[in-house]
Amino acid sequence: MFQLNSIASQVLRLGGTSDAVEAARIRRAVVLVTSQKTLPVSVAVLGAISTANPSAAATCALCVLPCVLWHLLQIVIDSVIVSRWVSEDKARQVSAAPASS
């Protein structure tokens, strides 16, 4: 989902084209926000299952725990990705800066 959102944000030119750096930051934010839908979707699915099958309600309630843990893991992974992006941006700025003599 992350890669699909990334490609879609580039194809749709989210963030505009006037400032490439700012456009990239906006696209990155959109990608992260749109990729964080696992918890609401999984809880909705589990709710539908428990509604359709009341005997599975106790099991579905217990199944929420791995969904929450997976969501937290996604947040940690996203933090690592953002840290990498920041490091790459800083390295790009240093290499683009003119060398003073």
Protein backbone atom coordinates (compact mmCIF):
# COMPACT_ATOMS: atom_id res chain seq x y z
CA MET A 1 0.00 0.00 0.00
CA PHE A 2 2.86 2.36 0.84
CA GLN A 3 4.44 1.98 -2.60
CA LEU A 4 1.10 2.31 -4.38
CA ASN A 5 0.36 5.55 -2.50
CA SER A 6 3.83 6.84 -3.34
CA ILE A 7 3.39 6.19 -7.05
CA ALA A 8 -0.12 7.68 -7.04
CA SER A 9 1.07 10.87 -5.33
CA GLN A 10 3.77 11.31 -7.98
CA VAL A 11 1.45 10.58 -10.89
CA LEU A 12 -1.16 13.00 -9.53
CA ARG A 13 1.60 15.59 -8.92
CA LEU A 14 0.43 16.24 -5.38
CA GLY A 15 2.17 19.23 -3.85
CA GLY A 16 2.36 21.16 -7.10
CA THR A 17 5.39 21.70 -9.25
CA SER A 18 6.53 25.22 -8.32
CA ASP A 19 8.92 24.18 -5.53
CA ALA A 20 10.30 20.67 -5.94
CA VAL A 21 11.48 20.35 -2.33
CA GLU A 22 8.17 21.48 -0.87
CA ALA A 23 6.23 19.28 -3.31
CA ALA A 24 8.29 16.26 -2.23
CA ARG A 25 7.55 17.00 1.43
CA ILE A 26 3.84 17.27 0.74
CA ARG A 27 3.86 14.01 -1.22
CA ARG A 28 5.69 12.26 1.61
CA ALA A 29 3.13 13.48 4.13
CA VAL A 30 0.25 12.33 1.92
CA VAL A 31 1.85 8.91 1.46
CA LEU A 32 2.31 8.39 5.20
CA VAL A 33 -1.19 9.58 6.11
CA THR A 34 -2.90 7.50 3.43
CA SER A 35 -0.91 4.41 4.33
CA GLN A 36 -2.07 4.43 7.96
CA LYS A 37 -5.48 2.87 7.52
CA THR A 38 -4.84 -0.64 8.86
CA LEU A 39 -6.26 -0.15 12.36
CA PRO A 40 -9.63 1.39 11.41
CA VAL A 41 -10.12 -1.09 8.59
CA SER A 42 -9.21 -4.13 10.68
CA VAL A 43 -11.44 -3.04 13.57
CA ALA A 44 -14.31 -2.45 11.13
CA VAL A 45 -13.84 -5.92 9.64
CA LEU A 46 -13.70 -7.54 13.07
CA GLY A 47 -16.84 -5.61 14.07
CA ALA A 48 -18.66 -6.86 10.99
CA ILE A 49 -17.58 -10.44 11.73
CA SER A 50 -18.76 -10.25 15.35
CA THR A 51 -22.08 -8.72 14.23
CA ALA A 52 -22.65 -11.41 11.61
CA ASN A 53 -21.61 -14.22 13.94
CA PRO A 54 -22.33 -13.42 17.61
CA SER A 55 -20.62 -16.63 18.75
CA ALA A 56 -17.33 -15.26 17.35
CA ALA A 57 -17.63 -11.96 19.23
CA ALA A 58 -15.27 -12.99 22.05
CA THR A 59 -12.64 -14.20 19.59
CA CYS A 60 -12.98 -11.03 17.51
CA ALA A 61 -12.54 -8.89 20.61
CA LEU A 62 -9.27 -10.69 21.29
CA CYS A 63 -8.18 -10.25 17.67
CA VAL A 64 -8.10 -6.47 18.11
CA LEU A 65 -4.89 -6.75 20.13
CA PRO A 66 -2.67 -7.94 17.23
CA CYS A 67 -4.26 -5.26 15.03
CA VAL A 68 -3.28 -2.54 17.51
CA LEU A 69 0.23 -3.97 17.85
CA TRP A 70 0.64 -4.08 14.06
CA HIS A 71 -0.51 -0.48 13.81
CA LEU A 72 2.06 0.58 16.42
CA LEU A 73 4.74 -1.31 14.50
CA GLN A 74 3.76 0.56 11.34
CA ILE A 75 4.18 3.86 13.17
CA VAL A 76 7.70 2.82 14.26
CA ILE A 77 8.58 1.79 10.70
CA ASP A 78 7.22 5.09 9.37
CA SER A 79 9.40 6.93 11.89
CA VAL A 80 12.46 5.11 10.54
CA ILE A 81 11.45 6.00 6.98
CA VAL A 82 10.99 9.67 7.90
CA SER A 83 14.38 9.72 9.63
CA ARG A 84 15.97 8.33 6.49
CA TRP A 85 14.22 10.94 4.36
CA VAL A 86 15.45 13.73 6.63
CA SER A 87 19.02 12.39 6.48
CA GLU A 88 18.86 12.15 2.69
CA ASP A 89 17.51 15.71 2.45
CA LYS A 90 20.28 17.04 4.69
CA ALA A 91 22.93 15.18 2.68
CA ARG A 92 21.44 16.54 -0.55
CA GLN A 93 21.50 20.10 0.84
CA VAL A 94 25.15 19.74 1.92
CA SER A 95 26.20 18.38 -1.47
CA ALA A 96 24.25 21.11 -3.28
CA ALA A 97 25.77 23.91 -1.20
CA PRO A 98 28.62 25.68 -2.95
CA ALA A 99 32.03 24.94 -1.46
CA SER A 100 33.65 27.98 0.09
CA SER A 101 37.35 28.49 -0.57
